[in-house]
Amino acid sequence: MPGLVVMVIDDDAADRKQIHRLLTRMPMECEVVEVADGAKLAEVTAPKVDLVLLDHLLPGISGLDLIDVLQERWPRAGVCVVTGQGDETVAKNAIQRGAVDYVPKRSLSENVLERIIENGCKVARMRWEIEEQRQDMGVFSEVLVHDLKAPIRSTLFLIEKLAEDIGAQDTKEVERDMRLIAQTAERMSDLVASLAGHVQLDRDSEPKFCAPRELADQAASLLLAAVEKSGAQITVEADDVPLVLCHGPQIVQLLQNLINNAIKYAGDSAPCIHVHCTKLGRRLQFSVSDNGIGVPEQYKERVFQPFKRLPVAASIPGTGLGLATCRKIVDRHNGRIWCEPNVPQGTVFRFELPLGKSASAHGA
């Protein structure tokens, strides 16, 4: 399990040092983040945490009360409660609150920690996937109940009208009816395709080292028809950056969605889109900037939610799943995604992917 991030929350510096030493001795590659107490959590900038070793007794707050805070900020992390003395009541309460394990400090050893990390990460991942599947079912339900009802009703209405126009031998109306039916069917097809892309990302594929420029170029090549029709100009800057360990097809899909959005929301201007990739410490940051209509401040988070679109988007074809799928892909890569204003106009969408220690050995 390479590239693990383990957070140790304990107010005792000696105990933190001991746990840190045990972690660094283990065969798996492990980054340790030390936190003295719950109040210091706000200062932690790590976008990804795989496991938290949480002291039960902390100044000002119980470790059990921190479990909800930790799971909200790092939902894919497993939490193991650690205490100075064995206590079945504490162990029971910890598991009920969402911890994946419980261990007395006196029992800690390299073997015990290795078991906790292996089992804890598996349990946390399983919980995350179950929650993700639950959310996917909610998306399916919303589509079936709301988004597919309207085009189905329209199709039925148009078929009835088509039958009347055929009976009246009104050729022009028949042609119009057929054209509208085809457009409605196309919208339903787009919705189903977007839904499939959102809920059926390949969970079982193995990540591989990929060149960022190749990922961006592949995404742009899949949009040749939209580029030609809109007259968009796309530039890519991704030189002198390391390879990134990722699920390549998913990152291509992510970039494709961002570039396609930039084309659709260009407004009256010819789309100018710039894809830039740079290394920031142990992260790789992609930016997709455009000169379009922009995203208002109050919608910066909302646009990443399923079916949430900008008010101006009513006349623009789309399903409201593109950016939600982008966030889902980034979450699966333990990264983060956000948007911010471009200057002088438009939007910049940025996302970051973690770079493991082994990435430097595969640098571009």
Protein backbone atom coordinates (compact mmCIF):
# COMPACT_ATOMS: atom_id res chain seq x y z
CA MET A 1 0.00 0.00 0.00
CA PRO A 2 2.34 2.78 -1.19
CA GLY A 3 1.83 6.44 -0.51
CA LEU A 4 -0.21 6.09 2.70
CA VAL A 5 -0.85 9.15 4.85
CA VAL A 6 -1.30 8.40 8.55
CA MET A 7 -2.33 11.14 10.97
CA VAL A 8 -1.38 10.79 14.64
CA ILE A 9 -3.47 12.93 17.02
CA ASP A 10 -2.05 12.81 20.54
CA ASP A 11 -1.22 15.51 23.09
CA ASP A 12 1.71 13.48 24.44
CA ALA A 13 4.83 14.31 22.38
CA ALA A 14 6.61 11.15 23.55
CA ASP A 15 3.71 8.95 22.45
CA ARG A 16 3.57 10.69 19.05
CA LYS A 17 7.31 10.16 18.64
CA GLN A 18 7.00 6.46 19.51
CA ILE A 19 4.14 5.88 17.07
CA HIS A 20 6.00 7.86 14.38
CA ARG A 21 9.07 5.68 14.88
CA LEU A 22 7.02 2.47 14.60
CA LEU A 23 5.34 3.71 11.43
CA THR A 24 8.61 4.59 9.71
CA ARG A 25 9.98 1.10 10.40
CA MET A 26 7.20 -0.64 8.52
CA PRO A 27 7.80 -1.95 4.96
CA MET A 28 5.01 0.16 3.41
CA GLU A 29 5.70 3.73 2.26
CA CYS A 30 4.07 5.98 4.85
CA GLU A 31 3.84 9.73 5.43
CA VAL A 32 3.11 10.70 9.04
CA VAL A 33 1.20 13.86 9.99
CA GLU A 34 1.43 14.73 13.70
CA VAL A 35 -1.25 16.78 15.46
CA ALA A 36 -1.00 17.78 19.15
CA ASP A 37 -4.74 18.29 19.80
CA GLY A 38 -8.10 18.79 18.15
CA ALA A 39 -7.73 22.55 17.91
CA LYS A 40 -4.68 22.08 15.66
CA LEU A 41 -6.69 20.15 13.04
CA ALA A 42 -7.64 23.39 11.31
CA GLU A 43 -3.95 23.95 10.52
CA VAL A 44 -3.57 20.59 8.72
CA THR A 45 -3.44 21.08 4.95
CA ALA A 46 -3.18 17.43 3.88
CA PRO A 47 -5.85 16.83 1.17
CA LYS A 48 -5.64 13.08 1.73
CA VAL A 49 -5.53 11.01 4.92
CA ASP A 50 -5.81 7.23 4.85
CA LEU A 51 -5.79 6.44 8.57
CA VAL A 52 -6.04 8.43 11.80
CA LEU A 53 -4.55 7.14 15.06
CA LEU A 54 -6.63 9.15 17.53
CA ASP A 55 -5.85 9.47 21.23
CA HIS A 56 -8.96 9.01 23.35
CA LEU A 57 -8.11 11.66 25.95
CA LEU A 58 -7.25 15.07 24.52
CA PRO A 59 -7.23 18.50 26.17
CA GLY A 60 -10.59 20.23 25.84
CA ILE A 61 -12.28 17.48 23.83
CA SER A 62 -12.73 13.73 23.80
CA GLY A 63 -11.19 11.81 20.94
CA LEU A 64 -14.62 10.26 20.34
CA ASP A 65 -16.07 13.72 19.72
CA LEU A 66 -13.45 14.32 17.02
CA ILE A 67 -14.47 11.28 14.96
CA ASP A 68 -17.35 13.11 13.25
CA VAL A 69 -15.07 16.08 12.47
CA LEU A 70 -12.42 13.80 10.97
CA GLN A 71 -14.91 11.82 8.88
CA GLU A 72 -16.48 14.98 7.51
CA ARG A 73 -13.14 16.43 6.43
CA TRP A 74 -11.49 13.17 5.29
CA PRO A 75 -14.44 10.86 4.51
CA ARG A 76 -12.20 8.14 3.07
CA ALA A 77 -10.00 7.90 6.18
CA GLY A 78 -10.28 5.13 8.73
CA VAL A 79 -10.14 6.22 12.38
CA CYS A 80 -8.51 4.01 15.03
CA VAL A 81 -8.93 5.15 18.64
CA VAL A 82 -5.83 4.71 20.81
CA THR A 83 -5.88 5.01 24.59
CA GLY A 84 -3.50 4.60 27.49
CA GLN A 85 -5.65 1.97 29.15
CA GLY A 86 -7.88 -0.76 27.81
CA ASP A 87 -11.57 0.01 28.23
CA GLU A 88 -14.34 -2.04 26.64
CA THR A 89 -16.83 0.80 27.02
CA VAL A 90 -14.56 3.22 25.16
CA ALA A 91 -13.94 0.59 22.47
CA LYS A 92 -17.68 0.01 22.02
CA ASN A 93 -18.45 3.74 21.86
CA ALA A 94 -15.61 4.31 19.39
CA ILE A 95 -16.91 1.66 16.98
CA GLN A 96 -20.47 2.99 17.33
CA ARG A 97 -19.25 6.50 16.47
CA GLY A 98 -17.60 5.23 13.27
CA ALA A 99 -14.07 4.16 14.26
CA VAL A 100 -12.69 1.17 12.34
CA ASP A 101 -10.58 -0.12 15.24
CA TYR A 102 -9.50 0.40 18.84
CA VAL A 103 -6.18 -0.42 20.50
CA PRO A 104 -4.52 0.27 23.90
CA LYS A 105 -1.17 2.07 23.62
CA ARG A 106 0.58 -0.71 25.51
CA SER A 107 -0.35 -3.12 22.69
CA LEU A 108 1.19 -1.02 19.90
CA SER A 109 3.94 -2.64 17.89
CA GLU A 110 5.03 -2.75 14.24
CA ASN A 111 2.92 -5.85 13.60
CA VAL A 112 -0.13 -4.41 15.34
CA LEU A 113 0.15 -1.12 13.44
CA GLU A 114 0.57 -2.96 10.15
CA ARG A 115 -2.59 -4.94 10.87
CA ILE A 116 -4.51 -1.80 11.89
CA ILE A 117 -3.46 0.05 8.74
CA GLU A 118 -4.23 -2.84 6.39
CA ASN A 119 -7.61 -3.71 7.91
CA GLY A 120 -8.58 -0.13 8.74
CA CYS A 121 -7.96 1.14 5.21
CA LYS A 122 -9.95 -1.76 3.75
CA VAL A 123 -12.91 -1.10 6.06
CA ALA A 124 -12.78 2.65 5.38
CA ARG A 125 -12.66 2.08 1.62
CA MET A 126 -15.58 -0.34 1.79
CA ARG A 127 -17.64 2.19 3.77
CA TRP A 128 -16.79 4.90 1.26
CA GLU A 129 -17.83 2.74 -1.69
CA ILE A 130 -21.11 1.80 0.02
CA GLU A 131 -21.86 5.48 0.67
CA GLU A 132 -20.93 6.33 -2.91
CA GLN A 133 -23.27 3.64 -4.21
CA ARG A 134 -26.02 5.00 -1.96
CA GLN A 135 -25.50 8.45 -3.45
CA ASP A 136 -25.50 6.97 -6.96
CA MET A 137 -28.88 5.38 -6.27
CA GLY A 138 -30.14 8.81 -5.25
CA VAL A 139 -28.90 10.20 -8.56
CA PHE A 140 -30.63 7.40 -10.45
CA SER A 141 -33.86 8.08 -8.57
CA GLU A 142 -33.74 11.80 -9.31
CA VAL A 143 -33.19 11.16 -12.99
CA LEU A 144 -36.01 8.62 -13.22
CA VAL A 145 -38.46 10.70 -11.20
CA HIS A 146 -37.74 14.12 -12.65
CA ASP A 147 -35.32 14.46 -15.54
CA LEU A 148 -36.60 11.67 -17.78
CA LYS A 149 -40.30 12.33 -17.19
CA ALA A 150 -40.43 15.56 -19.18
CA PRO A 151 -38.78 14.29 -22.41
CA ILE A 152 -40.83 11.08 -22.25
CA ARG A 153 -44.06 13.13 -22.00
CA SER A 154 -42.87 15.32 -24.85
CA THR A 155 -42.15 12.28 -27.01
CA LEU A 156 -45.59 10.80 -26.37
CA PHE A 157 -47.22 14.13 -27.17
CA LEU A 158 -45.22 14.51 -30.39
CA ILE A 159 -46.08 10.97 -31.49
CA GLU A 160 -49.79 11.72 -31.05
CA LYS A 161 -49.39 14.97 -32.98
CA LEU A 162 -47.42 13.16 -35.69
CA ALA A 163 -50.28 10.69 -36.14
CA GLU A 164 -52.75 13.57 -36.53
CA ASP A 165 -50.53 15.39 -39.05
CA ILE A 166 -50.01 12.22 -41.08
CA GLY A 167 -53.80 11.76 -41.19
CA ALA A 168 -54.17 15.36 -42.34
CA GLN A 169 -51.35 14.83 -44.90
CA ASP A 170 -49.61 17.96 -43.64
CA THR A 171 -46.08 17.26 -44.88
CA LYS A 172 -44.44 20.29 -43.28
CA GLU A 173 -45.91 19.54 -39.87
CA VAL A 174 -44.90 15.88 -40.17
CA GLU A 175 -41.31 16.89 -40.89
CA ARG A 176 -41.35 19.29 -37.96
CA ASP A 177 -42.79 16.64 -35.64
CA MET A 178 -40.12 14.12 -36.68
CA ARG A 179 -37.37 16.68 -36.16
CA LEU A 180 -38.64 17.51 -32.66
CA ILE A 181 -38.93 13.81 -31.78
CA ALA A 182 -35.33 13.26 -32.89
CA GLN A 183 -34.16 16.22 -30.79
CA THR A 184 -36.03 14.94 -27.74
CA ALA A 185 -34.56 11.46 -28.20
CA GLU A 186 -31.10 13.00 -28.49
CA ARG A 187 -31.58 14.87 -25.20
CA MET A 188 -32.66 11.65 -23.47
CA SER A 189 -29.65 9.86 -24.93
CA ASP A 190 -27.32 12.59 -23.67
CA LEU A 191 -28.86 12.38 -20.21
CA VAL A 192 -28.48 8.60 -20.04
CA ALA A 193 -24.87 8.83 -21.29
CA SER A 194 -24.02 11.48 -18.68
CA LEU A 195 -25.65 9.40 -15.97
CA ALA A 196 -23.71 6.32 -17.04
CA GLY A 197 -20.47 8.29 -16.99
CA HIS A 198 -21.27 9.55 -13.51
CA VAL A 199 -22.17 6.26 -11.83
CA GLN A 200 -20.20 3.67 -13.78
CA LEU A 201 -16.61 4.85 -13.47
CA ASP A 202 -14.29 1.85 -13.55
CA ARG A 203 -13.72 1.01 -9.88
CA ASP A 204 -11.50 -2.01 -10.53
CA SER A 205 -8.89 -0.70 -12.97
CA GLU A 206 -5.33 -0.36 -11.73
CA PRO A 207 -3.76 3.11 -11.74
CA LYS A 208 -0.80 3.65 -14.07
CA PHE A 209 1.83 6.36 -14.50
CA CYS A 210 0.61 8.78 -17.18
CA ALA A 211 2.07 11.87 -18.86
CA PRO A 212 -0.12 14.92 -18.10
CA ARG A 213 0.34 16.38 -21.59
CA GLU A 214 -0.86 13.14 -23.20
CA LEU A 215 -3.95 13.14 -20.96
CA ALA A 216 -4.78 16.73 -21.97
CA ASP A 217 -4.13 16.07 -25.67
CA GLN A 218 -6.38 12.99 -25.60
CA ALA A 219 -9.19 15.00 -23.98
CA ALA A 220 -8.92 17.74 -26.61
CA SER A 221 -8.86 15.21 -29.47
CA LEU A 222 -12.19 13.78 -28.30
CA LEU A 223 -13.79 17.21 -28.79
CA LEU A 224 -12.69 17.90 -32.36
CA ALA A 225 -16.26 18.32 -33.63
CA ALA A 226 -17.15 20.83 -30.89
CA VAL A 227 -13.85 22.66 -31.42
CA GLU A 228 -14.40 22.96 -35.17
CA LYS A 229 -18.00 24.10 -34.79
CA SER A 230 -17.22 26.73 -32.14
CA GLY A 231 -13.87 27.90 -33.53
CA ALA A 232 -12.30 27.23 -30.12
CA GLN A 233 -8.58 27.63 -29.59
CA ILE A 234 -7.07 25.15 -27.13
CA THR A 235 -3.50 25.38 -25.86
CA VAL A 236 -1.76 22.92 -23.56
CA GLU A 237 1.23 23.67 -21.32
CA ALA A 238 2.45 20.61 -19.46
CA ASP A 239 6.21 20.42 -19.92
CA ASP A 240 8.77 19.44 -17.29
CA VAL A 241 6.22 17.82 -14.98
CA PRO A 242 6.44 14.28 -13.60
CA LEU A 243 4.23 11.41 -14.58
CA VAL A 244 1.22 11.02 -12.33
CA LEU A 245 -0.12 7.73 -10.97
CA CYS A 246 -3.80 7.76 -11.90
CA HIS A 247 -6.63 6.07 -13.75
CA GLY A 248 -5.83 7.62 -17.13
CA PRO A 249 -9.25 7.26 -18.82
CA GLN A 250 -10.93 8.92 -15.84
CA ILE A 251 -8.58 11.93 -15.92
CA VAL A 252 -9.14 12.22 -19.68
CA GLN A 253 -12.90 12.22 -19.02
CA LEU A 254 -12.42 14.88 -16.33
CA LEU A 255 -10.42 17.16 -18.66
CA GLN A 256 -12.86 16.50 -21.50
CA ASN A 257 -15.76 17.67 -19.31
CA LEU A 258 -13.92 20.83 -18.26
CA ILE A 259 -12.88 21.73 -21.82
CA ASN A 260 -16.35 20.96 -23.18
CA ASN A 261 -17.90 23.21 -20.51
CA ALA A 262 -15.52 26.00 -21.49
CA ILE A 263 -16.71 25.67 -25.09
CA LYS A 264 -20.41 25.58 -24.19
CA TYR A 265 -20.24 28.54 -21.81
CA ALA A 266 -18.10 30.80 -23.98
CA GLY A 267 -20.90 33.31 -24.48
CA ASP A 268 -20.55 35.55 -27.53
CA SER A 269 -16.76 35.19 -27.70
CA ALA A 270 -14.81 32.54 -29.58
CA PRO A 271 -13.65 30.08 -26.89
CA CYS A 272 -10.01 30.47 -25.82
CA ILE A 273 -9.04 27.61 -23.50
CA HIS A 274 -5.69 27.02 -21.86
CA VAL A 275 -4.79 23.78 -20.08
CA HIS A 276 -1.82 24.13 -17.76
CA CYS A 277 -0.14 21.56 -15.53
CA THR A 278 2.47 22.24 -12.88
CA LYS A 279 4.08 20.50 -9.92
CA LEU A 280 3.40 22.06 -6.51
CA GLY A 281 5.36 20.23 -3.85
CA ARG A 282 3.97 16.72 -3.68
CA ARG A 283 0.93 17.57 -5.78
CA LEU A 284 0.27 17.95 -9.49
CA GLN A 285 -2.10 20.78 -10.37
CA PHE A 286 -4.11 20.99 -13.59
CA SER A 287 -5.77 24.28 -14.58
CA VAL A 288 -8.34 24.78 -17.34
CA SER A 289 -8.92 28.50 -17.94
CA ASP A 290 -11.39 30.08 -20.36
CA ASN A 291 -12.77 33.44 -21.45
CA GLY A 292 -16.43 32.52 -21.02
CA ILE A 293 -19.34 33.86 -18.99
CA GLY A 294 -17.79 32.88 -15.64
CA VAL A 295 -19.20 31.33 -12.48
CA PRO A 296 -20.76 33.71 -9.92
CA GLU A 297 -19.27 33.55 -6.41
CA GLN A 298 -22.41 32.03 -4.87
CA TYR A 299 -22.36 29.11 -7.32
CA LYS A 300 -18.71 28.03 -6.95
CA GLU A 301 -19.59 25.01 -4.81
CA ARG A 302 -23.05 24.36 -6.15
CA VAL A 303 -21.88 23.73 -9.72
CA PHE A 304 -20.13 20.54 -8.54
CA GLN A 305 -23.39 19.04 -7.26
CA PRO A 306 -25.43 16.70 -9.50
CA PHE A 307 -28.03 18.51 -11.64
CA LYS A 308 -27.11 21.96 -10.29
CA ARG A 309 -26.57 24.37 -13.18
CA LEU A 310 -26.12 28.13 -13.51
CA PRO A 311 -29.32 30.15 -14.03
CA VAL A 312 -28.02 31.28 -17.44
CA ALA A 313 -27.65 27.64 -18.51
CA ALA A 314 -31.34 27.06 -19.21
CA SER A 315 -30.84 27.64 -22.94
CA ILE A 316 -27.56 25.70 -23.11
CA PRO A 317 -27.72 21.91 -23.66
CA GLY A 318 -26.49 19.91 -20.69
CA THR A 319 -27.49 17.54 -17.91
CA GLY A 320 -25.85 19.08 -14.85
CA LEU A 321 -23.73 15.97 -14.26
CA GLY A 322 -20.45 16.98 -15.93
CA LEU A 323 -18.85 18.86 -13.02
CA ALA A 324 -20.32 16.42 -10.49
CA THR A 325 -18.54 13.64 -12.36
CA CYS A 326 -15.33 15.71 -12.33
CA ARG A 327 -15.49 16.01 -8.54
CA LYS A 328 -16.21 12.31 -8.21
CA ILE A 329 -13.13 11.42 -10.27
CA VAL A 330 -10.93 13.78 -8.25
CA ASP A 331 -12.27 12.38 -4.97
CA ARG A 332 -11.40 8.86 -6.12
CA HIS A 333 -7.85 10.05 -6.72
CA ASN A 334 -7.64 11.62 -3.23
CA GLY A 335 -7.37 15.07 -4.76
CA ARG A 336 -9.46 18.24 -4.76
CA ILE A 337 -11.15 20.44 -7.37
CA TRP A 338 -12.40 24.02 -7.30
CA CYS A 339 -13.03 27.03 -9.52
CA GLU A 340 -12.07 30.69 -9.34
CA PRO A 341 -12.48 33.78 -11.54
CA ASN A 342 -10.22 34.24 -14.55
CA VAL A 343 -8.85 37.69 -15.38
CA PRO A 344 -10.23 39.71 -17.10
CA GLN A 345 -13.14 37.31 -17.79
CA GLY A 346 -14.08 33.66 -17.62
CA THR A 347 -13.28 30.93 -15.13
CA VAL A 348 -10.34 28.80 -14.07
CA PHE A 349 -11.10 25.26 -12.95
CA ARG A 350 -8.26 23.70 -11.00
CA PHE A 351 -7.75 20.21 -9.65
CA GLU A 352 -4.85 18.63 -7.82
CA LEU A 353 -3.71 15.02 -7.67
CA PRO A 354 -1.26 13.72 -5.07
CA LEU A 355 2.20 12.67 -6.17
CA GLY A 356 3.55 9.61 -4.38
CA LYS A 357 7.23 9.35 -3.49
CA SER A 358 7.67 6.84 -6.30
CA ALA A 359 6.52 9.33 -8.94
CA SER A 360 9.96 10.94 -9.19
CA ALA A 361 11.39 7.66 -10.39
CA HIS A 362 9.01 7.80 -13.35
CA GLY A 363 9.41 11.48 -14.16
CA ALA A 364 8.79 12.79 -17.61
